[in-house]
Every structure is written in C-alpha cells, then in structure tokens.
Amino acid sequence: MVETEPECISMKRCFMYTIFLFIFAGIFETGGGYLMWLWLREDRRLIFAFSGAIVLF
C-alpha cells in the first residue's frame, strides 16, 4: 500500500476517484453476472461462465 500524506491529495480528487471506482466495479459486476446468466439461461458455451467468473472476481 502506498503511503500518501493527506495534504497531497485534494478532497475533490479523492471523492472523484472513489466515485469512479464505484461505477467501474458496478459495470464489471453487471457484466460478469450477465455472462453467467447467458451461460445458465441461454445455453451458451462454457467460456461465458469462465469469463463471467473472472470478471466477478
């Protein structure tokens, strides 16, 4: 973990970074779940399940 001093990073920048990570994680979670759903419900190939599992982890 990188040690940073609080005065180096502005509060606005930290807030925007947190929001970006939240949205990024949500997109990956939705995408991974969709790939798993395609494999289970739409009888897609097993690669969809593996891809979804990798994205979710």
PDB file of N, CA and C in Angstrom:
ATOM      1  N   MET A   1       0.845  -1.171   0.000  1.00  0.00           N
ATOM      2  CA  MET A   1       0.000   0.000   0.000  1.00  0.00           C
ATOM      3  C   MET A   1       0.896   1.243   0.000  1.00  0.00           C
ATOM      4  N   VAL A   2       0.510   2.219  -0.772  1.00  0.00           N
ATOM      5  CA  VAL A   2       1.305   3.424  -0.904  1.00  0.00           C
ATOM      6  C   VAL A   2       0.907   4.409   0.182  1.00  0.00           C
ATOM      7  N   GLU A   3       1.889   4.901   0.873  1.00  0.00           N
ATOM      8  CA  GLU A   3       1.660   5.907   1.914  1.00  0.00           C
ATOM      9  C   GLU A   3       1.607   7.299   1.268  1.00  0.00           C
ATOM     10  N   THR A   4       0.546   8.027   1.481  1.00  0.00           N
ATOM     11  CA  THR A   4       0.438   9.397   0.999  1.00  0.00           C
ATOM     12  C   THR A   4       0.044  10.293   2.158  1.00  0.00           C
ATOM     13  N   GLU A   5       0.511  11.503   2.085  1.00  0.00           N
ATOM     14  CA  GLU A   5       0.144  12.470   3.109  1.00  0.00           C
ATOM     15  C   GLU A   5      -1.178  13.113   2.717  1.00  0.00           C
ATOM     16  N   PRO A   6      -2.055  13.382   3.677  1.00  0.00           N
ATOM     17  CA  PRO A   6      -3.390  13.912   3.364  1.00  0.00           C
ATOM     18  C   PRO A   6      -3.365  15.232   2.601  1.00  0.00           C
ATOM     19  N   GLU A   7      -2.336  16.058   2.812  1.00  0.00           N
ATOM     20  CA  GLU A   7      -2.328  17.351   2.142  1.00  0.00           C
ATOM     21  C   GLU A   7      -1.925  17.243   0.670  1.00  0.00           C
ATOM     22  N   CYS A   8      -1.438  16.068   0.233  1.00  0.00           N
ATOM     23  CA  CYS A   8      -1.034  15.892  -1.152  1.00  0.00           C
ATOM     24  C   CYS A   8      -2.231  15.713  -2.084  1.00  0.00           C
ATOM     25  N   ILE A   9      -3.294  15.132  -1.571  1.00  0.00           N
ATOM     26  CA  ILE A   9      -4.448  14.821  -2.406  1.00  0.00           C
ATOM     27  C   ILE A   9      -5.624  15.697  -1.978  1.00  0.00           C
ATOM     28  N   SER A  10      -6.224  16.362  -2.936  1.00  0.00           N
ATOM     29  CA  SER A  10      -7.362  17.202  -2.599  1.00  0.00           C
ATOM     30  C   SER A  10      -8.581  16.332  -2.306  1.00  0.00           C
ATOM     31  N   MET A  11      -9.495  16.869  -1.562  1.00  0.00           N
ATOM     32  CA  MET A  11     -10.702  16.142  -1.196  1.00  0.00           C
ATOM     33  C   MET A  11     -11.563  15.866  -2.428  1.00  0.00           C
ATOM     34  N   LYS A  12     -11.623  16.815  -3.360  1.00  0.00           N
ATOM     35  CA  LYS A  12     -12.412  16.639  -4.567  1.00  0.00           C
ATOM     36  C   LYS A  12     -11.846  15.513  -5.422  1.00  0.00           C
ATOM     37  N   ARG A  13     -10.533  15.453  -5.545  1.00  0.00           N
ATOM     38  CA  ARG A  13      -9.897  14.414  -6.337  1.00  0.00           C
ATOM     39  C   ARG A  13     -10.129  13.040  -5.705  1.00  0.00           C
ATOM     40  N   CYS A  14     -10.031  12.932  -4.417  1.00  0.00           N
ATOM     41  CA  CYS A  14     -10.272  11.683  -3.710  1.00  0.00           C
ATOM     42  C   CYS A  14     -11.728  11.243  -3.887  1.00  0.00           C
ATOM     43  N   PHE A  15     -12.641  12.185  -3.801  1.00  0.00           N
ATOM     44  CA  PHE A  15     -14.061  11.888  -3.981  1.00  0.00           C
ATOM     45  C   PHE A  15     -14.342  11.394  -5.397  1.00  0.00           C
ATOM     46  N   MET A  16     -13.786  12.045  -6.404  1.00  0.00           N
ATOM     47  CA  MET A  16     -13.998  11.651  -7.793  1.00  0.00           C
ATOM     48  C   MET A  16     -13.399  10.279  -8.071  1.00  0.00           C
ATOM     49  N   TYR A  17     -12.247   9.996  -7.485  1.00  0.00           N
ATOM     50  CA  TYR A  17     -11.611   8.688  -7.639  1.00  0.00           C
ATOM     51  C   TYR A  17     -12.482   7.595  -7.028  1.00  0.00           C
ATOM     52  N   THR A  18     -13.063   7.862  -5.876  1.00  0.00           N
ATOM     53  CA  THR A  18     -13.941   6.897  -5.225  1.00  0.00           C
ATOM     54  C   THR A  18     -15.188   6.646  -6.048  1.00  0.00           C
ATOM     55  N   ILE A  19     -15.794   7.674  -6.581  1.00  0.00           N
ATOM     56  CA  ILE A  19     -16.974   7.533  -7.433  1.00  0.00           C
ATOM     57  C   ILE A  19     -16.636   6.741  -8.693  1.00  0.00           C
ATOM     58  N   PHE A  20     -15.476   7.047  -9.291  1.00  0.00           N
ATOM     59  CA  PHE A  20     -15.040   6.322 -10.478  1.00  0.00           C
ATOM     60  C   PHE A  20     -14.888   4.828 -10.175  1.00  0.00           C
ATOM     61  N   LEU A  21     -14.258   4.468  -9.070  1.00  0.00           N
ATOM     62  CA  LEU A  21     -14.082   3.064  -8.711  1.00  0.00           C
ATOM     63  C   LEU A  21     -15.424   2.380  -8.454  1.00  0.00           C
ATOM     64  N   PHE A  22     -16.349   3.087  -7.840  1.00  0.00           N
ATOM     65  CA  PHE A  22     -17.679   2.541  -7.572  1.00  0.00           C
ATOM     66  C   PHE A  22     -18.408   2.219  -8.874  1.00  0.00           C
ATOM     67  N   ILE A  23     -18.380   3.131  -9.820  1.00  0.00           N
ATOM     68  CA  ILE A  23     -19.039   2.926 -11.112  1.00  0.00           C
ATOM     69  C   ILE A  23     -18.343   1.806 -11.886  1.00  0.00           C
ATOM     70  N   PHE A  24     -17.017   1.810 -11.873  1.00  0.00           N
ATOM     71  CA  PHE A  24     -16.223   0.785 -12.546  1.00  0.00           C
ATOM     72  C   PHE A  24     -16.543  -0.603 -11.998  1.00  0.00           C
ATOM     73  N   ALA A  25     -16.632  -0.731 -10.681  1.00  0.00           N
ATOM     74  CA  ALA A  25     -16.959  -2.013 -10.049  1.00  0.00           C
ATOM     75  C   ALA A  25     -18.378  -2.440 -10.407  1.00  0.00           C
ATOM     76  N   GLY A  26     -19.298  -1.502 -10.464  1.00  0.00           N
ATOM     77  CA  GLY A  26     -20.678  -1.813 -10.827  1.00  0.00           C
ATOM     78  C   GLY A  26     -20.799  -2.327 -12.248  1.00  0.00           C
ATOM     79  N   ILE A  27     -20.052  -1.736 -13.155  1.00  0.00           N
ATOM     80  CA  ILE A  27     -20.073  -2.188 -14.552  1.00  0.00           C
ATOM     81  C   ILE A  27     -19.534  -3.604 -14.658  1.00  0.00           C
ATOM     82  N   PHE A  28     -18.437  -3.873 -13.958  1.00  0.00           N
ATOM     83  CA  PHE A  28     -17.866  -5.215 -14.008  1.00  0.00           C
ATOM     84  C   PHE A  28     -18.780  -6.237 -13.342  1.00  0.00           C
ATOM     85  N   GLU A  29     -19.421  -5.865 -12.259  1.00  0.00           N
ATOM     86  CA  GLU A  29     -20.326  -6.796 -11.591  1.00  0.00           C
ATOM     87  C   GLU A  29     -21.531  -7.117 -12.477  1.00  0.00           C
ATOM     88  N   THR A  30     -22.081  -6.110 -13.123  1.00  0.00           N
ATOM     89  CA  THR A  30     -23.206  -6.327 -14.023  1.00  0.00           C
ATOM     90  C   THR A  30     -22.790  -7.183 -15.216  1.00  0.00           C
ATOM     91  N   GLY A  31     -21.632  -6.887 -15.779  1.00  0.00           N
ATOM     92  CA  GLY A  31     -21.150  -7.656 -16.924  1.00  0.00           C
ATOM     93  C   GLY A  31     -20.871  -9.109 -16.581  1.00  0.00           C
ATOM     94  N   GLY A  32     -20.243  -9.348 -15.445  1.00  0.00           N
ATOM     95  CA  GLY A  32     -19.960 -10.717 -15.029  1.00  0.00           C
ATOM     96  C   GLY A  32     -21.223 -11.495 -14.744  1.00  0.00           C
ATOM     97  N   GLY A  33     -22.168 -10.855 -14.104  1.00  0.00           N
ATOM     98  CA  GLY A  33     -23.452 -11.508 -13.848  1.00  0.00           C
ATOM     99  C   GLY A  33     -24.198 -11.814 -15.130  1.00  0.00           C
ATOM    100  N   TYR A  34     -24.117 -10.920 -16.101  1.00  0.00           N
ATOM    101  CA  TYR A  34     -24.782 -11.144 -17.385  1.00  0.00           C
ATOM    102  C   TYR A  34     -24.153 -12.319 -18.126  1.00  0.00           C
ATOM    103  N   LEU A  35     -22.826 -12.420 -18.084  1.00  0.00           N
ATOM    104  CA  LEU A  35     -22.164 -13.550 -18.729  1.00  0.00           C
ATOM    105  C   LEU A  35     -22.561 -14.874 -18.083  1.00  0.00           C
ATOM    106  N   MET A  36     -22.657 -14.886 -16.763  1.00  0.00           N
ATOM    107  CA  MET A  36     -23.092 -16.096 -16.071  1.00  0.00           C
ATOM    108  C   MET A  36     -24.544 -16.423 -16.440  1.00  0.00           C
ATOM    109  N   TRP A  37     -25.377 -15.407 -16.546  1.00  0.00           N
ATOM    110  CA  TRP A  37     -26.784 -15.602 -16.911  1.00  0.00           C
ATOM    111  C   TRP A  37     -26.905 -16.172 -18.328  1.00  0.00           C
ATOM    112  N   LEU A  38     -26.081 -15.658 -19.239  1.00  0.00           N
ATOM    113  CA  LEU A  38     -26.100 -16.195 -20.595  1.00  0.00           C
ATOM    114  C   LEU A  38     -25.755 -17.676 -20.607  1.00  0.00           C
ATOM    115  N   TRP A  39     -24.773 -18.058 -19.803  1.00  0.00           N
ATOM    116  CA  TRP A  39     -24.372 -19.457 -19.751  1.00  0.00           C
ATOM    117  C   TRP A  39     -25.476 -20.322 -19.150  1.00  0.00           C
ATOM    118  N   LEU A  40     -26.092 -19.857 -18.077  1.00  0.00           N
ATOM    119  CA  LEU A  40     -27.098 -20.661 -17.400  1.00  0.00           C
ATOM    120  C   LEU A  40     -28.429 -20.710 -18.138  1.00  0.00           C
ATOM    121  N   ARG A  41     -28.897 -19.570 -18.594  1.00  0.00           N
ATOM    122  CA  ARG A  41     -30.255 -19.480 -19.141  1.00  0.00           C
ATOM    123  C   ARG A  41     -30.330 -19.601 -20.653  1.00  0.00           C
ATOM    124  N   GLU A  42     -29.309 -19.163 -21.344  1.00  0.00           N
ATOM    125  CA  GLU A  42     -29.356 -19.138 -22.802  1.00  0.00           C
ATOM    126  C   GLU A  42     -28.546 -20.262 -23.436  1.00  0.00           C
ATOM    127  N   ASP A  43     -28.037 -21.183 -22.611  1.00  0.00           N
ATOM    128  CA  ASP A  43     -27.261 -22.331 -23.091  1.00  0.00           C
ATOM    129  C   ASP A  43     -26.078 -21.933 -23.966  1.00  0.00           C
ATOM    130  N   ARG A  44     -25.358 -20.934 -23.498  1.00  0.00           N
ATOM    131  CA  ARG A  44     -24.139 -20.530 -24.211  1.00  0.00           C
ATOM    132  C   ARG A  44     -22.995 -21.455 -23.807  1.00  0.00           C
ATOM    133  N   ARG A  45     -21.866 -21.290 -24.465  1.00  0.00           N
ATOM    134  CA  ARG A  45     -20.718 -22.149 -24.200  1.00  0.00           C
ATOM    135  C   ARG A  45     -20.141 -21.886 -22.807  1.00  0.00           C
ATOM    136  N   LEU A  46     -19.326 -22.820 -22.350  1.00  0.00           N
ATOM    137  CA  LEU A  46     -18.739 -22.747 -21.019  1.00  0.00           C
ATOM    138  C   LEU A  46     -17.786 -21.561 -20.858  1.00  0.00           C
ATOM    139  N   ILE A  47     -17.277 -21.042 -21.968  1.00  0.00           N
ATOM    140  CA  ILE A  47     -16.371 -19.893 -21.907  1.00  0.00           C
ATOM    141  C   ILE A  47     -17.079 -18.675 -21.323  1.00  0.00           C
ATOM    142  N   PHE A  48     -18.395 -18.577 -21.505  1.00  0.00           N
ATOM    143  CA  PHE A  48     -19.152 -17.471 -20.918  1.00  0.00           C
ATOM    144  C   PHE A  48     -19.138 -17.555 -19.396  1.00  0.00           C
ATOM    145  N   ALA A  49     -19.245 -18.777 -18.872  1.00  0.00           N
ATOM    146  CA  ALA A  49     -19.217 -18.967 -17.419  1.00  0.00           C
ATOM    147  C   ALA A  49     -17.844 -18.614 -16.863  1.00  0.00           C
ATOM    148  N   PHE A  50     -16.800 -19.076 -17.525  1.00  0.00           N
ATOM    149  CA  PHE A  50     -15.443 -18.766 -17.056  1.00  0.00           C
ATOM    150  C   PHE A  50     -15.145 -17.280 -17.142  1.00  0.00           C
ATOM    151  N   SER A  51     -15.557 -16.660 -18.225  1.00  0.00           N
ATOM    152  CA  SER A  51     -15.340 -15.204 -18.377  1.00  0.00           C
ATOM    153  C   SER A  51     -16.110 -14.438 -17.300  1.00  0.00           C
ATOM    154  N   GLY A  52     -17.340 -14.834 -17.055  1.00  0.00           N
ATOM    155  CA  GLY A  52     -18.136 -14.167 -16.020  1.00  0.00           C
ATOM    156  C   GLY A  52     -17.523 -14.343 -14.648  1.00  0.00           C
ATOM    157  N   ALA A  53     -17.014 -15.536 -14.352  1.00  0.00           N
ATOM    158  CA  ALA A  53     -16.384 -15.771 -13.061  1.00  0.00           C
ATOM    159  C   ALA A  53     -15.123 -14.929 -12.889  1.00  0.00           C
ATOM    160  N   ILE A  54     -14.331 -14.812 -13.939  1.00  0.00           N
ATOM    161  CA  ILE A  54     -13.116 -13.986 -13.873  1.00  0.00           C
ATOM    162  C   ILE A  54     -13.467 -12.527 -13.662  1.00  0.00           C
ATOM    163  N   VAL A  55     -14.474 -12.056 -14.381  1.00  0.00           N
ATOM    164  CA  VAL A  55     -14.881 -10.655 -14.244  1.00  0.00           C
ATOM    165  C   VAL A  55     -15.413 -10.389 -12.835  1.00  0.00           C
ATOM    166  N   LEU A  56     -16.153 -11.344 -12.279  1.00  0.00           N
ATOM    167  CA  LEU A  56     -16.721 -11.141 -10.942  1.00  0.00           C
ATOM    168  C   LEU A  56     -15.662 -11.182  -9.842  1.00  0.00           C
ATOM    169  N   PHE A  57     -14.594 -11.919 -10.083  1.00  0.00           N
ATOM    170  CA  PHE A  57     -13.529 -11.954  -9.076  1.00  0.00           C
ATOM    171  C   PHE A  57     -12.508 -10.919  -9.390  1.00  0.00           C
TER     172      PHE A  57
END
